[in-house]
Structures are given as C-alpha cells and as structure tokens.
Amino acid sequence: MFRNIRFYRVKSSWPKTEADLSEQLTQLAFKPCGPYSEMSSGWEAPASEQPELLCRRLNGADLLRLRSQTRVLPAAAINEALTERLEDYEARMGERPSAKQKRRLKAELREELLPKALVKSDRINGFYLHASGILGIEAASEPKAERFLDCLRAGFSGLEAVPLLFNKPVSDWLNAIFLGGVPDNFKLGSECKMQEPTLGGAVVNWKDIELADSSVRKHVIDGMRVERLGLEFDDIMSAVLDQNGGISKLKFVGGDAAAELETSDESMLARQDAEFVLLTGTITRFLDELKKTLNGYS
C-alpha cells in the first residue's frame, strides 16, 4: 500500500469522526477530467466496498486517497499535427507564419486535440495518526506530496501541516548507526548513499553490500556523510531512511503478522484493513523511536 512516505506534523485541528472527515473531503471529491481540462484532482473512497466514505478510520489512524486524472497529449503528436497546420497556412496565405501566428495555431490545435486525448489516473495514499498528529503521504518527491497537501488544504479551512523535523539532525543519527551504534530494535540493511560535505562533493551509492565492512565504513570515517541508509526495524519492516526523515522502499520482511497477511484468504477490504493497521502500528513505533533518539520534534 505504501512504498514511500514523507511525514508532516499537523498543527491544526482534525475532524473528530470518520463521518466528519468524509464530509469535509466531499467538498473536493474526485470528478473526471472534463473535455477541455488537462488535469483534475479530488478525493475518492480508499475502500471500493464503501464508496460513500472518502476516508477510513482504523485503530487511531485515517486512510485517505487522492486521485488525479490527466489527459495524455504527447508533444510528438502535437508537433506532427502542427507541421501540417503550418504547411496549410503557408499554402493558403502565400507566406510563412510569424512566431506569434505559430503560437496561436499551436494553441488552437491543443484545444482541438484535448477532448480526443486519452486520460490516465494516478492515486496518492495518505494516513493521519491521531495520537501524534502526524500525516504520512505516499510520495517520493516533494511536488507530489504538495499536490496532496494542496487538495487537503482546499477542503480543510486553516489546515496547518509542516514537514516533520526533529531536535537533532537525522543525518547525525544515520552516521552514528553506520559507524556501529545500531539500537537494539534496528539492523543495518544493504543500501547506503553518502556524499562529501563540500559543495558538489563526490557521491557514493552502495547496494547489496555488507555495510558493516571496514572498507565501506572508512569513507564515513574519512569525512563523507550518510544521506540515505537502509534499515530493518523490529524484524518486520525494512526501509531506506533519508537525512530528511523520509522513507522509501518500505516493505514488511518477516514476523507473524506479515506472514499472516501473505497467506490471508479474507476479503479484499479485510486484507486492506489488516495491512493498514500493520503499517500504521509499525510506523508509529518507528517514529516514536526516532523521536526518543533525536530529542523530540522541533
């Protein structure tokens, strides 16, 4: 369900009930992209079995899903049609079109082609942890997360959400772990990115390698900084943690709960609920460990 997560602190109030939250999200429910619109975004039900609810609350966490639909109009197709349009103009007018006329013809062409263009959808999942006021967004990039936040703010008057920061730098903790100070409930993974601290300094990426090897650690001892580090947590979750506190490549790797999900023959909704409870419960413990280690949130 979630492979990449960027975390934010919500400093404003949050709807008290699932029904209240769903009602607020309804103000910006998803609508298909119109014939002359290039993109449409809105909230859709995270559980297809309950299409009337635009959120799902389970075990102190809310699941939300943003759907965006865009019209696919390849540049190559526009340029090919534009070439024909320019040739026709020159044949009719007996002169080459000016730069201004080319722009006008291209704009007219886009308007003609847009209603005929195919549409594609992408979805961004998010969760809100009530106990901590943390919002997690399934996004590898900041622009994608901001699209989710913009739509959330449009439905929530006065919503204040800021990137999750700690009182101590995550990068310092990553360096300490890399050099051997691994807490009891963590294990080093097999992936790491490090960079020289100077502007434009060298970057080294390690994958599928024993990070505890002295020849690998020597780079950090000699002054390189860890920017991203693969970790296992509680013998059940593996992920890559970056210096900003975001995680990527998240997956569940073991433990009774994860194994039970793999073999479950329950309904799609029941399995999705179980995955969500496992995810949010594990992420809650993971963030609590970071909070304790890094002297709380800033």
C-alpha atoms as a PDB file:
ATOM      1  CA  MET A   1       0.000   0.000   0.000  1.00  0.00           C
ATOM      2  CA  PHE A   2       2.800   2.438   0.880  1.00  0.00           C
ATOM      3  CA  ARG A   3       6.329   2.251  -0.578  1.00  0.00           C
ATOM      4  CA  ASN A   4       7.489   5.838   0.008  1.00  0.00           C
ATOM      5  CA  ILE A   5       6.402   8.112   2.860  1.00  0.00           C
ATOM      6  CA  ARG A   6       7.032  11.784   3.557  1.00  0.00           C
ATOM      7  CA  PHE A   7       5.997  12.916   7.042  1.00  0.00           C
ATOM      8  CA  TYR A   8       4.296  16.134   8.164  1.00  0.00           C
ATOM      9  CA  ARG A   9       3.071  17.475  11.512  1.00  0.00           C
ATOM     10  CA  VAL A  10      -0.480  18.725  11.549  1.00  0.00           C
ATOM     11  CA  LYS A  11      -0.653  21.635  13.987  1.00  0.00           C
ATOM     12  CA  SER A  12      -4.328  22.456  13.475  1.00  0.00           C
ATOM     13  CA  SER A  13      -7.477  20.569  14.456  1.00  0.00           C
ATOM     14  CA  TRP A  14      -8.539  17.380  12.697  1.00  0.00           C
ATOM     15  CA  PRO A  15     -12.149  16.111  12.268  1.00  0.00           C
ATOM     16  CA  LYS A  16     -13.252  14.114  15.288  1.00  0.00           C
ATOM     17  CA  THR A  17     -15.141  11.352  13.499  1.00  0.00           C
ATOM     18  CA  GLU A  18     -14.796   9.372  10.296  1.00  0.00           C
ATOM     19  CA  ALA A  19     -18.100  10.814   9.064  1.00  0.00           C
ATOM     20  CA  ASP A  20     -16.961  14.392   9.748  1.00  0.00           C
ATOM     21  CA  LEU A  21     -13.714  13.839   7.869  1.00  0.00           C
ATOM     22  CA  SER A  22     -15.500  12.235   4.919  1.00  0.00           C
ATOM     23  CA  GLU A  23     -17.953  15.132   4.760  1.00  0.00           C
ATOM     24  CA  GLN A  24     -15.144  17.698   4.611  1.00  0.00           C
ATOM     25  CA  LEU A  25     -13.361  15.763   1.882  1.00  0.00           C
ATOM     26  CA  THR A  26     -16.615  15.647  -0.101  1.00  0.00           C
ATOM     27  CA  GLN A  27     -16.160  19.357  -0.818  1.00  0.00           C
ATOM     28  CA  LEU A  28     -13.364  18.321  -3.173  1.00  0.00           C
ATOM     29  CA  ALA A  29     -14.447  14.834  -4.223  1.00  0.00           C
ATOM     30  CA  PHE A  30     -12.904  13.495  -7.409  1.00  0.00           C
ATOM     31  CA  LYS A  31     -14.598  14.385 -10.683  1.00  0.00           C
ATOM     32  CA  PRO A  32     -13.463  13.043 -14.062  1.00  0.00           C
ATOM     33  CA  CYS A  33     -11.339  15.327 -16.198  1.00  0.00           C
ATOM     34  CA  GLY A  34     -13.542  17.485 -18.435  1.00  0.00           C
ATOM     35  CA  PRO A  35     -13.089  17.520 -22.218  1.00  0.00           C
ATOM     36  CA  TYR A  36     -11.153  20.791 -22.143  1.00  0.00           C
ATOM     37  CA  SER A  37      -9.304  20.220 -18.844  1.00  0.00           C
ATOM     38  CA  GLU A  38      -5.766  18.873 -18.754  1.00  0.00           C
ATOM     39  CA  MET A  39      -5.974  17.663 -15.148  1.00  0.00           C
ATOM     40  CA  SER A  40      -8.494  17.007 -12.381  1.00  0.00           C
ATOM     41  CA  SER A  41      -7.754  16.056  -8.755  1.00  0.00           C
ATOM     42  CA  GLY A  42     -10.030  15.098  -5.888  1.00  0.00           C
ATOM     43  CA  TRP A  43     -10.681  12.623  -3.078  1.00  0.00           C
ATOM     44  CA  GLU A  44     -12.049   9.145  -3.666  1.00  0.00           C
ATOM     45  CA  ALA A  45     -13.064   6.336  -1.352  1.00  0.00           C
ATOM     46  CA  PRO A  46     -10.000   4.355  -0.195  1.00  0.00           C
ATOM     47  CA  ALA A  47     -12.237   1.271   0.127  1.00  0.00           C
ATOM     48  CA  SER A  48     -14.201   0.430  -3.021  1.00  0.00           C
ATOM     49  CA  GLU A  49     -16.640  -1.594  -0.891  1.00  0.00           C
ATOM     50  CA  GLN A  50     -17.654   1.656   0.859  1.00  0.00           C
ATOM     51  CA  PRO A  51     -17.818   4.262  -1.941  1.00  0.00           C
ATOM     52  CA  GLU A  52     -19.851   6.659   0.187  1.00  0.00           C
ATOM     53  CA  LEU A  53     -16.947   7.224   2.640  1.00  0.00           C
ATOM     54  CA  LEU A  54     -13.971   9.264   1.448  1.00  0.00           C
ATOM     55  CA  CYS A  55     -11.802   8.068   4.344  1.00  0.00           C
ATOM     56  CA  ARG A  56     -11.415   5.001   6.527  1.00  0.00           C
ATOM     57  CA  ARG A  57     -10.598   5.169  10.231  1.00  0.00           C
ATOM     58  CA  LEU A  58      -8.916   2.167  11.837  1.00  0.00           C
ATOM     59  CA  ASN A  59      -7.056   1.761  15.117  1.00  0.00           C
ATOM     60  CA  GLY A  60      -6.479   5.503  15.624  1.00  0.00           C
ATOM     61  CA  ALA A  61      -5.455   6.262  12.044  1.00  0.00           C
ATOM     62  CA  ASP A  62      -7.242   7.647   8.985  1.00  0.00           C
ATOM     63  CA  LEU A  63      -6.650   6.425   5.429  1.00  0.00           C
ATOM     64  CA  LEU A  64      -7.198   8.912   2.596  1.00  0.00           C
ATOM     65  CA  ARG A  65      -6.759   8.646  -1.179  1.00  0.00           C
ATOM     66  CA  LEU A  66      -6.271  11.442  -3.692  1.00  0.00           C
ATOM     67  CA  ARG A  67      -6.974  10.651  -7.331  1.00  0.00           C
ATOM     68  CA  SER A  68      -5.657  12.763 -10.195  1.00  0.00           C
ATOM     69  CA  GLN A  69      -6.668  12.321 -13.812  1.00  0.00           C
ATOM     70  CA  THR A  70      -4.751  13.861 -16.702  1.00  0.00           C
ATOM     71  CA  ARG A  71      -5.299  13.995 -20.443  1.00  0.00           C
ATOM     72  CA  VAL A  72      -2.386  12.446 -22.324  1.00  0.00           C
ATOM     73  CA  LEU A  73      -1.444  14.609 -25.278  1.00  0.00           C
ATOM     74  CA  PRO A  74       2.089  13.679 -26.428  1.00  0.00           C
ATOM     75  CA  ALA A  75       4.264  16.534 -27.628  1.00  0.00           C
ATOM     76  CA  ALA A  76       5.294  14.497 -30.676  1.00  0.00           C
ATOM     77  CA  ALA A  77       1.647  14.197 -31.759  1.00  0.00           C
ATOM     78  CA  ILE A  78       1.100  17.944 -31.375  1.00  0.00           C
ATOM     79  CA  ASN A  79       4.258  18.782 -33.299  1.00  0.00           C
ATOM     80  CA  GLU A  80       3.344  16.444 -36.157  1.00  0.00           C
ATOM     81  CA  ALA A  81      -0.124  17.943 -36.476  1.00  0.00           C
ATOM     82  CA  LEU A  82       1.319  21.441 -36.150  1.00  0.00           C
ATOM     83  CA  THR A  83       3.697  20.826 -39.060  1.00  0.00           C
ATOM     84  CA  GLU A  84       0.726  20.023 -41.272  1.00  0.00           C
ATOM     85  CA  ARG A  85      -1.164  23.051 -39.978  1.00  0.00           C
ATOM     86  CA  LEU A  86       1.800  25.368 -40.751  1.00  0.00           C
ATOM     87  CA  GLU A  87       2.192  23.933 -44.247  1.00  0.00           C
ATOM     88  CA  ASP A  88      -1.507  24.511 -44.893  1.00  0.00           C
ATOM     89  CA  TYR A  89      -1.216  28.097 -43.623  1.00  0.00           C
ATOM     90  CA  GLU A  90       1.738  28.806 -45.923  1.00  0.00           C
ATOM     91  CA  ALA A  91      -0.102  27.333 -48.923  1.00  0.00           C
ATOM     92  CA  ARG A  92      -3.219  29.427 -48.248  1.00  0.00           C
ATOM     93  CA  MET A  93      -1.549  32.705 -47.296  1.00  0.00           C
ATOM     94  CA  GLY A  94       1.489  32.526 -49.538  1.00  0.00           C
ATOM     95  CA  GLU A  95       3.815  33.357 -46.661  1.00  0.00           C
ATOM     96  CA  ARG A  96       5.361  31.705 -43.649  1.00  0.00           C
ATOM     97  CA  PRO A  97       3.565  32.286 -40.360  1.00  0.00           C
ATOM     98  CA  SER A  98       5.202  34.590 -37.830  1.00  0.00           C
ATOM     99  CA  ALA A  99       6.262  33.377 -34.385  1.00  0.00           C
ATOM    100  CA  LYS A 100       3.069  34.891 -32.929  1.00  0.00           C
ATOM    101  CA  GLN A 101       0.925  33.109 -35.515  1.00  0.00           C
ATOM    102  CA  LYS A 102       2.711  29.807 -34.821  1.00  0.00           C
ATOM    103  CA  ARG A 103       1.880  30.135 -31.120  1.00  0.00           C
ATOM    104  CA  ARG A 104      -1.764  30.876 -31.958  1.00  0.00           C
ATOM    105  CA  LEU A 105      -2.010  27.900 -34.296  1.00  0.00           C
ATOM    106  CA  LYS A 106      -0.442  25.626 -31.713  1.00  0.00           C
ATOM    107  CA  ALA A 107      -2.872  26.810 -29.022  1.00  0.00           C
ATOM    108  CA  GLU A 108      -5.824  26.237 -31.363  1.00  0.00           C
ATOM    109  CA  LEU A 109      -4.519  22.779 -32.174  1.00  0.00           C
ATOM    110  CA  ARG A 110      -4.241  21.843 -28.494  1.00  0.00           C
ATOM    111  CA  GLU A 111      -7.849  22.913 -27.917  1.00  0.00           C
ATOM    112  CA  GLU A 112      -8.974  20.738 -30.831  1.00  0.00           C
ATOM    113  CA  LEU A 113      -6.990  17.676 -29.772  1.00  0.00           C
ATOM    114  CA  LEU A 114      -7.535  17.855 -25.997  1.00  0.00           C
ATOM    115  CA  PRO A 115     -11.111  16.445 -25.959  1.00  0.00           C
ATOM    116  CA  LYS A 116      -9.912  13.481 -28.051  1.00  0.00           C
ATOM    117  CA  ALA A 117      -6.927  12.701 -25.812  1.00  0.00           C
ATOM    118  CA  LEU A 118      -6.877   9.594 -23.639  1.00  0.00           C
ATOM    119  CA  VAL A 119      -6.982  10.030 -19.868  1.00  0.00           C
ATOM    120  CA  LYS A 120      -4.900   8.316 -17.182  1.00  0.00           C
ATOM    121  CA  SER A 121      -5.238   8.317 -13.403  1.00  0.00           C
ATOM    122  CA  ASP A 122      -2.754   8.164 -10.555  1.00  0.00           C
ATOM    123  CA  ARG A 123      -3.503   7.902  -6.872  1.00  0.00           C
ATOM    124  CA  ILE A 124      -1.704   9.136  -3.760  1.00  0.00           C
ATOM    125  CA  ASN A 125      -2.497   7.487  -0.438  1.00  0.00           C
ATOM    126  CA  GLY A 126      -2.075   9.217   2.882  1.00  0.00           C
ATOM    127  CA  PHE A 127      -2.644   8.454   6.557  1.00  0.00           C
ATOM    128  CA  TYR A 128      -3.148  10.539   9.674  1.00  0.00           C
ATOM    129  CA  LEU A 129      -2.039   9.267  13.103  1.00  0.00           C
ATOM    130  CA  HIS A 130      -4.347  10.777  15.719  1.00  0.00           C
ATOM    131  CA  ALA A 131      -2.161  10.158  18.763  1.00  0.00           C
ATOM    132  CA  SER A 132       0.827  12.052  17.354  1.00  0.00           C
ATOM    133  CA  GLY A 133      -0.785  14.414  14.824  1.00  0.00           C
ATOM    134  CA  ILE A 134       1.481  13.011  12.080  1.00  0.00           C
ATOM    135  CA  LEU A 135       0.426  12.928   8.452  1.00  0.00           C
ATOM    136  CA  GLY A 136       2.160  10.443   6.146  1.00  0.00           C
ATOM    137  CA  ILE A 137       1.945  10.892   2.374  1.00  0.00           C
ATOM    138  CA  GLU A 138       2.856   8.194  -0.120  1.00  0.00           C
ATOM    139  CA  ALA A 139       5.187  10.295  -2.249  1.00  0.00           C
ATOM    140  CA  ALA A 140       8.816  10.003  -3.281  1.00  0.00           C
ATOM    141  CA  SER A 141       9.009  13.664  -4.313  1.00  0.00           C
ATOM    142  CA  GLU A 142       8.038  16.907  -2.622  1.00  0.00           C
ATOM    143  CA  PRO A 143       5.869  18.175  -5.555  1.00  0.00           C
ATOM    144  CA  LYS A 144       3.737  15.024  -5.370  1.00  0.00           C
ATOM    145  CA  ALA A 145       3.311  15.424  -1.604  1.00  0.00           C
ATOM    146  CA  GLU A 146       2.461  19.111  -2.072  1.00  0.00           C
ATOM    147  CA  ARG A 147      -0.305  18.195  -4.514  1.00  0.00           C
ATOM    148  CA  PHE A 148      -1.822  16.014  -1.786  1.00  0.00           C
ATOM    149  CA  LEU A 149      -1.454  18.807   0.786  1.00  0.00           C
ATOM    150  CA  ASP A 150      -2.915  21.455  -1.533  1.00  0.00           C
ATOM    151  CA  CYS A 151      -6.057  19.379  -2.035  1.00  0.00           C
ATOM    152  CA  LEU A 152      -6.266  18.704   1.696  1.00  0.00           C
ATOM    153  CA  ARG A 153      -5.990  22.412   2.491  1.00  0.00           C
ATOM    154  CA  ALA A 154      -8.717  23.167  -0.053  1.00  0.00           C
ATOM    155  CA  GLY A 155     -11.124  21.021   1.944  1.00  0.00           C
ATOM    156  CA  PHE A 156      -9.834  21.970   5.405  1.00  0.00           C
ATOM    157  CA  SER A 157     -10.101  25.623   6.304  1.00  0.00           C
ATOM    158  CA  GLY A 158      -6.949  26.700   8.141  1.00  0.00           C
ATOM    159  CA  LEU A 159      -5.112  23.381   7.908  1.00  0.00           C
ATOM    160  CA  GLU A 160      -1.508  23.802   9.065  1.00  0.00           C
ATOM    161  CA  ALA A 161       0.846  20.994   8.053  1.00  0.00           C
ATOM    162  CA  VAL A 162       4.632  21.343   8.123  1.00  0.00           C
ATOM    163  CA  PRO A 163       7.444  18.861   7.357  1.00  0.00           C
ATOM    164  CA  LEU A 164       8.297  16.665  10.335  1.00  0.00           C
ATOM    165  CA  LEU A 165      11.575  17.803  11.915  1.00  0.00           C
ATOM    166  CA  PHE A 166      13.478  16.596  14.961  1.00  0.00           C
ATOM    167  CA  ASN A 167      15.562  18.492  17.527  1.00  0.00           C
ATOM    168  CA  LYS A 168      18.671  16.593  16.415  1.00  0.00           C
ATOM    169  CA  PRO A 169      19.631  16.068  12.759  1.00  0.00           C
ATOM    170  CA  VAL A 170      18.603  12.727  11.302  1.00  0.00           C
ATOM    171  CA  SER A 171      21.880  12.743   9.342  1.00  0.00           C
ATOM    172  CA  ASP A 172      23.936  12.672  12.584  1.00  0.00           C
ATOM    173  CA  TRP A 173      21.976   9.633  13.750  1.00  0.00           C
ATOM    174  CA  LEU A 174      22.445   7.897  10.390  1.00  0.00           C
ATOM    175  CA  ASN A 175      26.204   8.439  10.634  1.00  0.00           C
ATOM    176  CA  ALA A 176      26.291   7.083  14.195  1.00  0.00           C
ATOM    177  CA  ILE A 177      24.346   3.961  13.181  1.00  0.00           C
ATOM    178  CA  PHE A 178      26.524   3.433  10.139  1.00  0.00           C
ATOM    179  CA  LEU A 179      29.656   3.502  12.304  1.00  0.00           C
ATOM    180  CA  GLY A 180      28.326   0.855  14.664  1.00  0.00           C
ATOM    181  CA  GLY A 181      25.894   2.489  17.098  1.00  0.00           C
ATOM    182  CA  VAL A 182      22.857   0.488  15.965  1.00  0.00           C
ATOM    183  CA  PRO A 183      19.969   0.453  18.521  1.00  0.00           C
ATOM    184  CA  ASP A 184      18.655  -2.935  19.632  1.00  0.00           C
ATOM    185  CA  ASN A 185      15.487  -2.848  17.509  1.00  0.00           C
ATOM    186  CA  PHE A 186      17.283  -1.756  14.324  1.00  0.00           C
ATOM    187  CA  LYS A 187      19.558  -3.590  11.895  1.00  0.00           C
ATOM    188  CA  LEU A 188      21.683  -2.251   9.067  1.00  0.00           C
ATOM    189  CA  GLY A 189      20.326  -3.011   5.629  1.00  0.00           C
ATOM    190  CA  SER A 190      22.383  -3.367   2.463  1.00  0.00           C
ATOM    191  CA  GLU A 191      21.918   0.062   0.848  1.00  0.00           C
ATOM    192  CA  CYS A 192      23.514   3.428   1.515  1.00  0.00           C
ATOM    193  CA  LYS A 193      24.180   6.777  -0.138  1.00  0.00           C
ATOM    194  CA  MET A 194      26.962   9.019   1.142  1.00  0.00           C
ATOM    195  CA  GLN A 195      28.400  12.334  -0.027  1.00  0.00           C
ATOM    196  CA  GLU A 196      31.334  14.564   0.720  1.00  0.00           C
ATOM    197  CA  PRO A 197      30.103  17.597   2.717  1.00  0.00           C
ATOM    198  CA  THR A 198      31.729  20.106   0.349  1.00  0.00           C
ATOM    199  CA  LEU A 199      29.609  21.774  -2.337  1.00  0.00           C
ATOM    200  CA  GLY A 200      29.469  19.467  -5.333  1.00  0.00           C
ATOM    201  CA  GLY A 201      31.337  16.777  -3.407  1.00  0.00           C
ATOM    202  CA  ALA A 202      31.629  13.190  -4.589  1.00  0.00           C
ATOM    203  CA  VAL A 203      28.638  10.866  -4.137  1.00  0.00           C
ATOM    204  CA  VAL A 204      28.885   7.134  -3.481  1.00  0.00           C
ATOM    205  CA  ASN A 205      25.951   4.722  -3.695  1.00  0.00           C
ATOM    206  CA  TRP A 206      26.185   1.248  -2.183  1.00  0.00           C
ATOM    207  CA  LYS A 207      23.651  -1.512  -2.919  1.00  0.00           C
ATOM    208  CA  ASP A 208      23.525  -5.167  -1.924  1.00  0.00           C
ATOM    209  CA  ILE A 209      26.687  -4.888   0.129  1.00  0.00           C
ATOM    210  CA  GLU A 210      27.742  -5.555   3.717  1.00  0.00           C
ATOM    211  CA  LEU A 211      27.660  -2.003   5.103  1.00  0.00           C
ATOM    212  CA  ALA A 212      29.494  -3.001   8.294  1.00  0.00           C
ATOM    213  CA  ASP A 213      32.590  -3.878   6.257  1.00  0.00           C
ATOM    214  CA  SER A 214      35.557  -1.746   7.295  1.00  0.00           C
ATOM    215  CA  SER A 215      36.355  -0.749   3.701  1.00  0.00           C
ATOM    216  CA  VAL A 216      32.843   0.721   3.374  1.00  0.00           C
ATOM    217  CA  ARG A 217      32.857   2.437   6.766  1.00  0.00           C
ATOM    218  CA  LYS A 218      36.203   4.019   6.017  1.00  0.00           C
ATOM    219  CA  HIS A 219      34.529   6.510   3.670  1.00  0.00           C
ATOM    220  CA  VAL A 220      32.486   7.980   6.540  1.00  0.00           C
ATOM    221  CA  ILE A 221      35.418   7.853   8.939  1.00  0.00           C
ATOM    222  CA  ASP A 222      37.361   9.886   6.363  1.00  0.00           C
ATOM    223  CA  GLY A 223      34.666  12.574   6.265  1.00  0.00           C
ATOM    224  CA  MET A 224      31.797  11.550   3.983  1.00  0.00           C
ATOM    225  CA  ARG A 225      28.245  11.972   5.309  1.00  0.00           C
ATOM    226  CA  VAL A 226      25.462   9.394   5.137  1.00  0.00           C
ATOM    227  CA  GLU A 227      22.449  10.812   3.281  1.00  0.00           C
ATOM    228  CA  ARG A 228      20.364   7.653   2.966  1.00  0.00           C
ATOM    229  CA  LEU A 229      20.600   4.353   4.810  1.00  0.00           C
ATOM    230  CA  GLY A 230      18.829   1.001   4.532  1.00  0.00           C
ATOM    231  CA  LEU A 231      17.477  -0.252   7.868  1.00  0.00           C
ATOM    232  CA  GLU A 232      15.362  -3.028   9.314  1.00  0.00           C
ATOM    233  CA  PHE A 233      13.080  -2.246  12.238  1.00  0.00           C
ATOM    234  CA  ASP A 234      11.586  -4.675  14.762  1.00  0.00           C
ATOM    235  CA  ASP A 235      12.473  -7.613  12.473  1.00  0.00           C
ATOM    236  CA  ILE A 236       9.344  -6.845  10.444  1.00  0.00           C
ATOM    237  CA  MET A 237       9.852  -3.684   8.393  1.00  0.00           C
ATOM    238  CA  SER A 238      12.663  -2.730   6.050  1.00  0.00           C
ATOM    239  CA  ALA A 239      13.055   0.733   4.526  1.00  0.00           C
ATOM    240  CA  VAL A 240      15.576   3.308   3.411  1.00  0.00           C
ATOM    241  CA  LEU A 241      15.665   6.347   5.700  1.00  0.00           C
ATOM    242  CA  ASP A 242      16.970   9.625   4.303  1.00  0.00           C
ATOM    243  CA  GLN A 243      18.536  12.600   6.068  1.00  0.00           C
ATOM    244  CA  ASN A 244      15.214  14.484   5.996  1.00  0.00           C
ATOM    245  CA  GLY A 245      13.353  11.720   7.808  1.00  0.00           C
ATOM    246  CA  GLY A 246      11.506  10.378   4.766  1.00  0.00           C
ATOM    247  CA  ILE A 247      11.427   6.687   3.975  1.00  0.00           C
ATOM    248  CA  SER A 248      11.422   4.757   0.703  1.00  0.00           C
ATOM    249  CA  LYS A 249      11.397   1.122  -0.440  1.00  0.00           C
ATOM    250  CA  LEU A 250       9.249   0.184   2.541  1.00  0.00           C
ATOM    251  CA  LYS A 251       8.234  -3.441   2.844  1.00  0.00           C
ATOM    252  CA  PHE A 252       7.405  -5.970   5.522  1.00  0.00           C
ATOM    253  CA  VAL A 253      10.030  -8.667   5.676  1.00  0.00           C
ATOM    254  CA  GLY A 254       9.063 -11.098   8.424  1.00  0.00           C
ATOM    255  CA  GLY A 255       7.203 -11.692  11.632  1.00  0.00           C
ATOM    256  CA  ASP A 256       3.910 -13.484  12.255  1.00  0.00           C
ATOM    257  CA  ALA A 257       1.738 -10.518  11.251  1.00  0.00           C
ATOM    258  CA  ALA A 258       3.416 -10.041   7.880  1.00  0.00           C
ATOM    259  CA  ALA A 259       3.352 -13.785   7.141  1.00  0.00           C
ATOM    260  CA  GLU A 260      -0.339 -13.973   8.034  1.00  0.00           C
ATOM    261  CA  LEU A 261      -1.145 -11.205   5.544  1.00  0.00           C
ATOM    262  CA  GLU A 262       0.684 -13.072   2.782  1.00  0.00           C
ATOM    263  CA  THR A 263      -1.473 -16.184   3.230  1.00  0.00           C
ATOM    264  CA  SER A 264      -4.782 -14.497   4.142  1.00  0.00           C
ATOM    265  CA  ASP A 265      -7.854 -15.592   2.164  1.00  0.00           C
ATOM    266  CA  GLU A 266     -10.124 -12.919   3.640  1.00  0.00           C
ATOM    267  CA  SER A 267     -11.984 -10.340   1.583  1.00  0.00           C
ATOM    268  CA  MET A 268     -10.114  -7.541  -0.163  1.00  0.00           C
ATOM    269  CA  LEU A 269     -11.409  -4.994   2.368  1.00  0.00           C
ATOM    270  CA  ALA A 270     -10.407  -7.124   5.369  1.00  0.00           C
ATOM    271  CA  ARG A 271      -6.938  -7.634   3.946  1.00  0.00           C
ATOM    272  CA  GLN A 272      -6.537  -3.929   3.159  1.00  0.00           C
ATOM    273  CA  ASP A 273      -7.618  -3.081   6.708  1.00  0.00           C
ATOM    274  CA  ALA A 274      -5.121  -5.567   8.164  1.00  0.00           C
ATOM    275  CA  GLU A 275      -2.313  -4.140   6.025  1.00  0.00           C
ATOM    276  CA  PHE A 276      -3.197  -0.611   7.096  1.00  0.00           C
ATOM    277  CA  VAL A 277      -3.263  -1.493  10.801  1.00  0.00           C
ATOM    278  CA  LEU A 278       0.101  -3.267  10.476  1.00  0.00           C
ATOM    279  CA  LEU A 279       1.568  -0.328   8.574  1.00  0.00           C
ATOM    280  CA  THR A 280       0.379   2.440  10.881  1.00  0.00           C
ATOM    281  CA  GLY A 281       1.186   0.474  14.031  1.00  0.00           C
ATOM    282  CA  THR A 282       4.742  -0.203  12.845  1.00  0.00           C
ATOM    283  CA  ILE A 283       5.258   3.364  11.603  1.00  0.00           C
ATOM    284  CA  THR A 284       4.012   4.709  14.946  1.00  0.00           C
ATOM    285  CA  ARG A 285       6.623   2.665  16.827  1.00  0.00           C
ATOM    286  CA  PHE A 286       9.280   3.641  14.278  1.00  0.00           C
ATOM    287  CA  LEU A 287       8.568   7.374  14.687  1.00  0.00           C
ATOM    288  CA  ASP A 288       8.435   7.020  18.480  1.00  0.00           C
ATOM    289  CA  GLU A 289      11.954   5.553  18.395  1.00  0.00           C
ATOM    290  CA  LEU A 290      13.220   8.417  16.227  1.00  0.00           C
ATOM    291  CA  LYS A 291      11.507  10.965  18.472  1.00  0.00           C
ATOM    292  CA  LYS A 292      13.116   9.479  21.592  1.00  0.00           C
ATOM    293  CA  THR A 293      16.559   9.218  19.993  1.00  0.00           C
ATOM    294  CA  LEU A 294      16.510  12.679  18.404  1.00  0.00           C
ATOM    295  CA  ASN A 295      15.173  14.554  21.461  1.00  0.00           C
ATOM    296  CA  GLY A 296      11.636  15.053  20.204  1.00  0.00           C
ATOM    297  CA  TYR A 297      10.073  17.045  17.408  1.00  0.00           C
ATOM    298  CA  SER A 298      11.182  20.599  16.739  1.00  0.00           C
END
